[in-house]
Amino acid sequence: MGWSPRLVVQEYVDGEFIYIPRKSGNKKEWGSNTSTRIELQQRNMQIYEDYLAGNSQQELSDKYFLSLKSMQRIIREQRNMNEA
């Protein structure tokens, strides 16, 4: 029996799962395979609109089930995007 890459790998990780990361040039951005990124952008815009309409950060935090810190970050980011 000759040299086999499978046998060499099997010697070290017999029966286990291994993770081989993508080459840096082949990496995809987070959310590129799903609509999650777009949905979160839409949610964040709605949060900012609700905030501008007079809802407090605490009310929005409760409504969207997010921490107050997350709400503050979202509002700050949306404000910065709208000012740019």
PDB file of N, CA and C in Angstrom:
ATOM      1  N   MET A   1       0.850  -1.173   0.000  1.00  0.00           N
ATOM      2  CA  MET A   1       0.000   0.000   0.000  1.00  0.00           C
ATOM      3  C   MET A   1       0.893   1.231   0.000  1.00  0.00           C
ATOM      4  N   GLY A   2       0.602   2.196  -0.876  1.00  0.00           N
ATOM      5  CA  GLY A   2       1.421   3.389  -0.990  1.00  0.00           C
ATOM      6  C   GLY A   2       0.969   4.500  -0.058  1.00  0.00           C
ATOM      7  N   TRP A   3       1.622   5.626  -0.193  1.00  0.00           N
ATOM      8  CA  TRP A   3       1.309   6.814   0.602  1.00  0.00           C
ATOM      9  C   TRP A   3      -0.065   7.348   0.222  1.00  0.00           C
ATOM     10  N   SER A   4      -0.879   7.707   1.197  1.00  0.00           N
ATOM     11  CA  SER A   4      -2.210   8.238   0.937  1.00  0.00           C
ATOM     12  C   SER A   4      -2.472   9.406   1.889  1.00  0.00           C
ATOM     13  N   PRO A   5      -2.884  10.562   1.344  1.00  0.00           N
ATOM     14  CA  PRO A   5      -3.183  11.699   2.223  1.00  0.00           C
ATOM     15  C   PRO A   5      -4.251  11.342   3.260  1.00  0.00           C
ATOM     16  N   ARG A   6      -5.230  10.543   2.860  1.00  0.00           N
ATOM     17  CA  ARG A   6      -6.285  10.140   3.786  1.00  0.00           C
ATOM     18  C   ARG A   6      -5.713   9.378   4.964  1.00  0.00           C
ATOM     19  N   LEU A   7      -4.786   8.480   4.697  1.00  0.00           N
ATOM     20  CA  LEU A   7      -4.201   7.696   5.777  1.00  0.00           C
ATOM     21  C   LEU A   7      -3.351   8.551   6.705  1.00  0.00           C
ATOM     22  N   VAL A   8      -2.674   9.531   6.146  1.00  0.00           N
ATOM     23  CA  VAL A   8      -1.851  10.422   6.962  1.00  0.00           C
ATOM     24  C   VAL A   8      -2.754  11.252   7.890  1.00  0.00           C
ATOM     25  N   VAL A   9      -3.825  11.822   7.335  1.00  0.00           N
ATOM     26  CA  VAL A   9      -4.754  12.606   8.149  1.00  0.00           C
ATOM     27  C   VAL A   9      -5.426  11.701   9.179  1.00  0.00           C
ATOM     28  N   GLN A  10      -5.808  10.506   8.738  1.00  0.00           N
ATOM     29  CA  GLN A  10      -6.479   9.571   9.635  1.00  0.00           C
ATOM     30  C   GLN A  10      -5.591   9.189  10.822  1.00  0.00           C
ATOM     31  N   GLU A  11      -4.302   9.178  10.614  1.00  0.00           N
ATOM     32  CA  GLU A  11      -3.365   8.868  11.688  1.00  0.00           C
ATOM     33  C   GLU A  11      -3.486   9.870  12.839  1.00  0.00           C
ATOM     34  N   TYR A  12      -3.792  11.140  12.494  1.00  0.00           N
ATOM     35  CA  TYR A  12      -3.854  12.200  13.504  1.00  0.00           C
ATOM     36  C   TYR A  12      -5.260  12.468  14.031  1.00  0.00           C
ATOM     37  N   VAL A  13      -6.274  12.307  13.193  1.00  0.00           N
ATOM     38  CA  VAL A  13      -7.635  12.658  13.598  1.00  0.00           C
ATOM     39  C   VAL A  13      -8.607  11.521  13.287  1.00  0.00           C
ATOM     40  N   ASP A  14      -8.300  10.350  13.679  1.00  0.00           N
ATOM     41  CA  ASP A  14      -9.096   9.167  13.394  1.00  0.00           C
ATOM     42  C   ASP A  14     -10.522   9.304  13.923  1.00  0.00           C
ATOM     43  N   GLY A  15     -11.485   9.364  13.003  1.00  0.00           N
ATOM     44  CA  GLY A  15     -12.888   9.401  13.369  1.00  0.00           C
ATOM     45  C   GLY A  15     -13.391  10.737  13.870  1.00  0.00           C
ATOM     46  N   GLU A  16     -12.596  11.777  13.823  1.00  0.00           N
ATOM     47  CA  GLU A  16     -13.005  13.100  14.301  1.00  0.00           C
ATOM     48  C   GLU A  16     -13.320  14.003  13.118  1.00  0.00           C
ATOM     49  N   PHE A  17     -14.027  15.080  13.403  1.00  0.00           N
ATOM     50  CA  PHE A  17     -14.292  16.096  12.394  1.00  0.00           C
ATOM     51  C   PHE A  17     -13.135  17.089  12.397  1.00  0.00           C
ATOM     52  N   ILE A  18     -12.772  17.547  11.218  1.00  0.00           N
ATOM     53  CA  ILE A  18     -11.750  18.583  11.137  1.00  0.00           C
ATOM     54  C   ILE A  18     -12.302  19.743  10.314  1.00  0.00           C
ATOM     55  N   TYR A  19     -11.806  20.924  10.591  1.00  0.00           N
ATOM     56  CA  TYR A  19     -12.218  22.122   9.876  1.00  0.00           C
ATOM     57  C   TYR A  19     -11.040  22.622   9.076  1.00  0.00           C
ATOM     58  N   ILE A  20     -11.256  22.802   7.787  1.00  0.00           N
ATOM     59  CA  ILE A  20     -10.231  23.353   6.919  1.00  0.00           C
ATOM     60  C   ILE A  20     -10.774  24.677   6.399  1.00  0.00           C
ATOM     61  N   PRO A  21     -10.228  25.795   6.872  1.00  0.00           N
ATOM     62  CA  PRO A  21     -10.763  27.103   6.480  1.00  0.00           C
ATOM     63  C   PRO A  21     -10.520  27.407   5.009  1.00  0.00           C
ATOM     64  N   ARG A  22     -11.358  28.286   4.476  1.00  0.00           N
ATOM     65  CA  ARG A  22     -11.188  28.723   3.094  1.00  0.00           C
ATOM     66  C   ARG A  22      -9.926  29.569   2.966  1.00  0.00           C
ATOM     67  N   LYS A  23      -9.385  29.599   1.774  1.00  0.00           N
ATOM     68  CA  LYS A  23      -8.289  30.520   1.490  1.00  0.00           C
ATOM     69  C   LYS A  23      -8.843  31.928   1.623  1.00  0.00           C
ATOM     70  N   SER A  24      -8.014  32.863   2.049  1.00  0.00           N
ATOM     71  CA  SER A  24      -8.503  34.215   2.325  1.00  0.00           C
ATOM     72  C   SER A  24      -9.151  34.859   1.098  1.00  0.00           C
ATOM     73  N   GLY A  25      -8.691  34.547  -0.076  1.00  0.00           N
ATOM     74  CA  GLY A  25      -9.268  35.109  -1.290  1.00  0.00           C
ATOM     75  C   GLY A  25     -10.623  34.523  -1.650  1.00  0.00           C
ATOM     76  N   ASN A  26     -10.985  33.404  -1.055  1.00  0.00           N
ATOM     77  CA  ASN A  26     -12.245  32.731  -1.368  1.00  0.00           C
ATOM     78  C   ASN A  26     -13.313  32.933  -0.303  1.00  0.00           C
ATOM     79  N   LYS A  27     -12.996  33.717   0.713  1.00  0.00           N
ATOM     80  CA  LYS A  27     -13.954  33.915   1.800  1.00  0.00           C
ATOM     81  C   LYS A  27     -15.134  34.756   1.328  1.00  0.00           C
ATOM     82  N   LYS A  28     -16.307  34.451   1.868  1.00  0.00           N
ATOM     83  CA  LYS A  28     -17.511  35.191   1.549  1.00  0.00           C
ATOM     84  C   LYS A  28     -17.859  36.071   2.739  1.00  0.00           C
ATOM     85  N   GLU A  29     -18.508  37.180   2.466  1.00  0.00           N
ATOM     86  CA  GLU A  29     -18.939  38.063   3.541  1.00  0.00           C
ATOM     87  C   GLU A  29     -20.060  37.406   4.316  1.00  0.00           C
ATOM     88  N   TRP A  30     -20.160  37.767   5.610  1.00  0.00           N
ATOM     89  CA  TRP A  30     -21.203  37.232   6.457  1.00  0.00           C
ATOM     90  C   TRP A  30     -22.564  37.590   5.866  1.00  0.00           C
ATOM     91  N   GLY A  31     -23.445  36.600   5.803  1.00  0.00           N
ATOM     92  CA  GLY A  31     -24.800  36.833   5.328  1.00  0.00           C
ATOM     93  C   GLY A  31     -24.951  36.866   3.822  1.00  0.00           C
ATOM     94  N   SER A  32     -23.903  36.573   3.081  1.00  0.00           N
ATOM     95  CA  SER A  32     -23.988  36.667   1.623  1.00  0.00           C
ATOM     96  C   SER A  32     -24.818  35.539   1.013  1.00  0.00           C
ATOM     97  N   ASN A  33     -25.021  34.445   1.730  1.00  0.00           N
ATOM     98  CA  ASN A  33     -25.806  33.330   1.193  1.00  0.00           C
ATOM     99  C   ASN A  33     -27.269  33.380   1.614  1.00  0.00           C
ATOM    100  N   THR A  34     -27.638  34.318   2.477  1.00  0.00           N
ATOM    101  CA  THR A  34     -29.006  34.393   2.969  1.00  0.00           C
ATOM    102  C   THR A  34     -29.496  35.837   2.899  1.00  0.00           C
ATOM    103  N   SER A  35     -30.739  36.029   3.284  1.00  0.00           N
ATOM    104  CA  SER A  35     -31.312  37.375   3.309  1.00  0.00           C
ATOM    105  C   SER A  35     -31.158  38.027   4.674  1.00  0.00           C
ATOM    106  N   THR A  36     -30.448  37.387   5.581  1.00  0.00           N
ATOM    107  CA  THR A  36     -30.318  37.886   6.947  1.00  0.00           C
ATOM    108  C   THR A  36     -29.755  39.291   7.003  1.00  0.00           C
ATOM    109  N   ARG A  37     -28.731  39.564   6.230  1.00  0.00           N
ATOM    110  CA  ARG A  37     -28.098  40.889   6.257  1.00  0.00           C
ATOM    111  C   ARG A  37     -29.107  41.974   5.865  1.00  0.00           C
ATOM    112  N   ILE A  38     -29.875  41.733   4.821  1.00  0.00           N
ATOM    113  CA  ILE A  38     -30.869  42.705   4.359  1.00  0.00           C
ATOM    114  C   ILE A  38     -31.967  42.878   5.406  1.00  0.00           C
ATOM    115  N   GLU A  39     -32.410  41.762   5.993  1.00  0.00           N
ATOM    116  CA  GLU A  39     -33.453  41.829   7.019  1.00  0.00           C
ATOM    117  C   GLU A  39     -32.992  42.634   8.231  1.00  0.00           C
ATOM    118  N   LEU A  40     -31.753  42.458   8.634  1.00  0.00           N
ATOM    119  CA  LEU A  40     -31.230  43.214   9.777  1.00  0.00           C
ATOM    120  C   LEU A  40     -31.096  44.699   9.441  1.00  0.00           C
ATOM    121  N   GLN A  41     -30.701  45.016   8.218  1.00  0.00           N
ATOM    122  CA  GLN A  41     -30.617  46.420   7.807  1.00  0.00           C
ATOM    123  C   GLN A  41     -31.994  47.070   7.828  1.00  0.00           C
ATOM    124  N   GLN A  42     -32.999  46.336   7.349  1.00  0.00           N
ATOM    125  CA  GLN A  42     -34.361  46.861   7.354  1.00  0.00           C
ATOM    126  C   GLN A  42     -34.870  47.035   8.780  1.00  0.00           C
ATOM    127  N   ARG A  43     -34.593  46.058   9.644  1.00  0.00           N
ATOM    128  CA  ARG A  43     -34.996  46.151  11.044  1.00  0.00           C
ATOM    129  C   ARG A  43     -34.347  47.361  11.703  1.00  0.00           C
ATOM    130  N   ASN A  44     -33.050  47.554  11.457  1.00  0.00           N
ATOM    131  CA  ASN A  44     -32.339  48.670  12.074  1.00  0.00           C
ATOM    132  C   ASN A  44     -32.865  50.018  11.593  1.00  0.00           C
ATOM    133  N   MET A  45     -33.222  50.105  10.319  1.00  0.00           N
ATOM    134  CA  MET A  45     -33.820  51.344   9.807  1.00  0.00           C
ATOM    135  C   MET A  45     -35.168  51.607  10.477  1.00  0.00           C
ATOM    136  N   GLN A  46     -35.950  50.537  10.679  1.00  0.00           N
ATOM    137  CA  GLN A  46     -37.244  50.688  11.342  1.00  0.00           C
ATOM    138  C   GLN A  46     -37.057  51.111  12.799  1.00  0.00           C
ATOM    139  N   ILE A  47     -36.066  50.554  13.462  1.00  0.00           N
ATOM    140  CA  ILE A  47     -35.768  50.955  14.838  1.00  0.00           C
ATOM    141  C   ILE A  47     -35.458  52.443  14.886  1.00  0.00           C
ATOM    142  N   TYR A  48     -34.647  52.919  13.963  1.00  0.00           N
ATOM    143  CA  TYR A  48     -34.270  54.336  13.955  1.00  0.00           C
ATOM    144  C   TYR A  48     -35.488  55.218  13.667  1.00  0.00           C
ATOM    145  N   GLU A  49     -36.338  54.797  12.744  1.00  0.00           N
ATOM    146  CA  GLU A  49     -37.554  55.549  12.459  1.00  0.00           C
ATOM    147  C   GLU A  49     -38.463  55.603  13.684  1.00  0.00           C
ATOM    148  N   ASP A  50     -38.575  54.466  14.394  1.00  0.00           N
ATOM    149  CA  ASP A  50     -39.369  54.428  15.620  1.00  0.00           C
ATOM    150  C   ASP A  50     -38.779  55.362  16.672  1.00  0.00           C
ATOM    151  N   TYR A  51     -37.475  55.408  16.735  1.00  0.00           N
ATOM    152  CA  TYR A  51     -36.795  56.287  17.688  1.00  0.00           C
ATOM    153  C   TYR A  51     -37.065  57.756  17.346  1.00  0.00           C
ATOM    154  N   LEU A  52     -36.965  58.085  16.073  1.00  0.00           N
ATOM    155  CA  LEU A  52     -37.236  59.463  15.646  1.00  0.00           C
ATOM    156  C   LEU A  52     -38.699  59.844  15.867  1.00  0.00           C
ATOM    157  N   ALA A  53     -39.577  58.849  15.866  1.00  0.00           N
ATOM    158  CA  ALA A  53     -41.004  59.098  16.085  1.00  0.00           C
ATOM    159  C   ALA A  53     -41.334  59.305  17.560  1.00  0.00           C
ATOM    160  N   GLY A  54     -40.324  59.167  18.426  1.00  0.00           N
ATOM    161  CA  GLY A  54     -40.544  59.469  19.837  1.00  0.00           C
ATOM    162  C   GLY A  54     -40.464  58.302  20.796  1.00  0.00           C
ATOM    163  N   ASN A  55     -40.222  57.094  20.298  1.00  0.00           N
ATOM    164  CA  ASN A  55     -40.072  55.943  21.193  1.00  0.00           C
ATOM    165  C   ASN A  55     -38.737  56.024  21.914  1.00  0.00           C
ATOM    166  N   SER A  56     -38.741  55.695  23.187  1.00  0.00           N
ATOM    167  CA  SER A  56     -37.484  55.719  23.946  1.00  0.00           C
ATOM    168  C   SER A  56     -36.643  54.494  23.602  1.00  0.00           C
ATOM    169  N   GLN A  57     -35.375  54.585  23.912  1.00  0.00           N
ATOM    170  CA  GLN A  57     -34.478  53.455  23.657  1.00  0.00           C
ATOM    171  C   GLN A  57     -34.916  52.239  24.466  1.00  0.00           C
ATOM    172  N   GLN A  58     -35.404  52.455  25.682  1.00  0.00           N
ATOM    173  CA  GLN A  58     -35.866  51.340  26.508  1.00  0.00           C
ATOM    174  C   GLN A  58     -37.112  50.691  25.909  1.00  0.00           C
ATOM    175  N   GLU A  59     -38.037  51.498  25.394  1.00  0.00           N
ATOM    176  CA  GLU A  59     -39.231  50.949  24.746  1.00  0.00           C
ATOM    177  C   GLU A  59     -38.848  50.113  23.530  1.00  0.00           C
ATOM    178  N   LEU A  60     -37.914  50.618  22.751  1.00  0.00           N
ATOM    179  CA  LEU A  60     -37.472  49.895  21.559  1.00  0.00           C
ATOM    180  C   LEU A  60     -36.730  48.619  21.939  1.00  0.00           C
ATOM    181  N   SER A  61     -35.959  48.695  22.998  1.00  0.00           N
ATOM    182  CA  SER A  61     -35.247  47.526  23.486  1.00  0.00           C
ATOM    183  C   SER A  61     -36.235  46.419  23.848  1.00  0.00           C
ATOM    184  N   ASP A  62     -37.301  46.790  24.520  1.00  0.00           N
ATOM    185  CA  ASP A  62     -38.334  45.813  24.898  1.00  0.00           C
ATOM    186  C   ASP A  62     -39.092  45.305  23.667  1.00  0.00           C
ATOM    187  N   LYS A  63     -39.410  46.206  22.756  1.00  0.00           N
ATOM    188  CA  LYS A  63     -40.185  45.843  21.565  1.00  0.00           C
ATOM    189  C   LYS A  63     -39.430  44.863  20.665  1.00  0.00           C
ATOM    190  N   TYR A  64     -38.129  45.106  20.482  1.00  0.00           N
ATOM    191  CA  TYR A  64     -37.341  44.294  19.550  1.00  0.00           C
ATOM    192  C   TYR A  64     -36.529  43.201  20.249  1.00  0.00           C
ATOM    193  N   PHE A  65     -36.704  43.072  21.557  1.00  0.00           N
ATOM    194  CA  PHE A  65     -36.012  42.037  22.328  1.00  0.00           C
ATOM    195  C   PHE A  65     -34.495  42.130  22.187  1.00  0.00           C
ATOM    196  N   LEU A  66     -33.989  43.360  22.288  1.00  0.00           N
ATOM    197  CA  LEU A  66     -32.547  43.613  22.200  1.00  0.00           C
ATOM    198  C   LEU A  66     -32.102  44.316  23.476  1.00  0.00           C
ATOM    199  N   SER A  67     -30.838  44.181  23.800  1.00  0.00           N
ATOM    200  CA  SER A  67     -30.311  44.871  24.977  1.00  0.00           C
ATOM    201  C   SER A  67     -30.287  46.374  24.729  1.00  0.00           C
ATOM    202  N   LEU A  68     -30.265  47.116  25.800  1.00  0.00           N
ATOM    203  CA  LEU A  68     -30.205  48.572  25.686  1.00  0.00           C
ATOM    204  C   LEU A  68     -28.924  48.991  24.968  1.00  0.00           C
ATOM    205  N   LYS A  69     -27.825  48.310  25.246  1.00  0.00           N
ATOM    206  CA  LYS A  69     -26.547  48.606  24.569  1.00  0.00           C
ATOM    207  C   LYS A  69     -26.669  48.387  23.066  1.00  0.00           C
ATOM    208  N   SER A  70     -27.316  47.293  22.658  1.00  0.00           N
ATOM    209  CA  SER A  70     -27.506  47.021  21.224  1.00  0.00           C
ATOM    210  C   SER A  70     -28.363  48.108  20.591  1.00  0.00           C
ATOM    211  N   MET A  71     -29.404  48.532  21.317  1.00  0.00           N
ATOM    212  CA  MET A  71     -30.277  49.577  20.801  1.00  0.00           C
ATOM    213  C   MET A  71     -29.502  50.875  20.623  1.00  0.00           C
ATOM    214  N   GLN A  72     -28.680  51.220  21.592  1.00  0.00           N
ATOM    215  CA  GLN A  72     -27.875  52.436  21.504  1.00  0.00           C
ATOM    216  C   GLN A  72     -26.925  52.374  20.314  1.00  0.00           C
ATOM    217  N   ARG A  73     -26.316  51.199  20.092  1.00  0.00           N
ATOM    218  CA  ARG A  73     -25.398  51.026  18.972  1.00  0.00           C
ATOM    219  C   ARG A  73     -26.126  51.171  17.635  1.00  0.00           C
ATOM    220  N   ILE A  74     -27.290  50.555  17.521  1.00  0.00           N
ATOM    221  CA  ILE A  74     -28.058  50.619  16.280  1.00  0.00           C
ATOM    222  C   ILE A  74     -28.466  52.054  15.976  1.00  0.00           C
ATOM    223  N   ILE A  75     -28.961  52.765  16.979  1.00  0.00           N
ATOM    224  CA  ILE A  75     -29.388  54.151  16.781  1.00  0.00           C
ATOM    225  C   ILE A  75     -28.200  55.022  16.390  1.00  0.00           C
ATOM    226  N   ARG A  76     -27.072  54.831  17.056  1.00  0.00           N
ATOM    227  CA  ARG A  76     -25.862  55.604  16.724  1.00  0.00           C
ATOM    228  C   ARG A  76     -25.420  55.331  15.287  1.00  0.00           C
ATOM    229  N   GLU A  77     -25.394  54.051  14.890  1.00  0.00           N
ATOM    230  CA  GLU A  77     -24.965  53.704  13.530  1.00  0.00           C
ATOM    231  C   GLU A  77     -25.926  54.275  12.486  1.00  0.00           C
ATOM    232  N   GLN A  78     -27.220  54.187  12.747  1.00  0.00           N
ATOM    233  CA  GLN A  78     -28.205  54.711  11.798  1.00  0.00           C
ATOM    234  C   GLN A  78     -28.097  56.231  11.708  1.00  0.00           C
ATOM    235  N   ARG A  79     -27.887  56.893  12.841  1.00  0.00           N
ATOM    236  CA  ARG A  79     -27.735  58.343  12.837  1.00  0.00           C
ATOM    237  C   ARG A  79     -26.520  58.735  12.004  1.00  0.00           C
ATOM    238  N   ASN A  80     -25.411  58.018  12.197  1.00  0.00           N
ATOM    239  CA  ASN A  80     -24.190  58.315  11.444  1.00  0.00           C
ATOM    240  C   ASN A  80     -24.386  58.074   9.947  1.00  0.00           C
ATOM    241  N   MET A  81     -25.121  57.037   9.583  1.00  0.00           N
ATOM    242  CA  MET A  81     -25.368  56.749   8.162  1.00  0.00           C
ATOM    243  C   MET A  81     -26.230  57.840   7.537  1.00  0.00           C
ATOM    244  N   ASN A  82     -27.205  58.328   8.291  1.00  0.00           N
ATOM    245  CA  ASN A  82     -28.105  59.350   7.757  1.00  0.00           C
ATOM    246  C   ASN A  82     -27.460  60.716   7.694  1.00  0.00           C
ATOM    247  N   GLU A  83     -26.463  60.956   8.530  1.00  0.00           N
ATOM    248  CA  GLU A  83     -25.762  62.243   8.518  1.00  0.00           C
ATOM    249  C   GLU A  83     -24.706  62.306   7.426  1.00  0.00           C
ATOM    250  N   ALA A  84     -24.240  61.151   6.985  1.00  0.00           N
ATOM    251  CA  ALA A  84     -23.163  61.114   5.984  1.00  0.00           C
ATOM    252  C   ALA A  84     -23.642  61.487   4.605  1.00  0.00           C
TER     253      ALA A  84
END
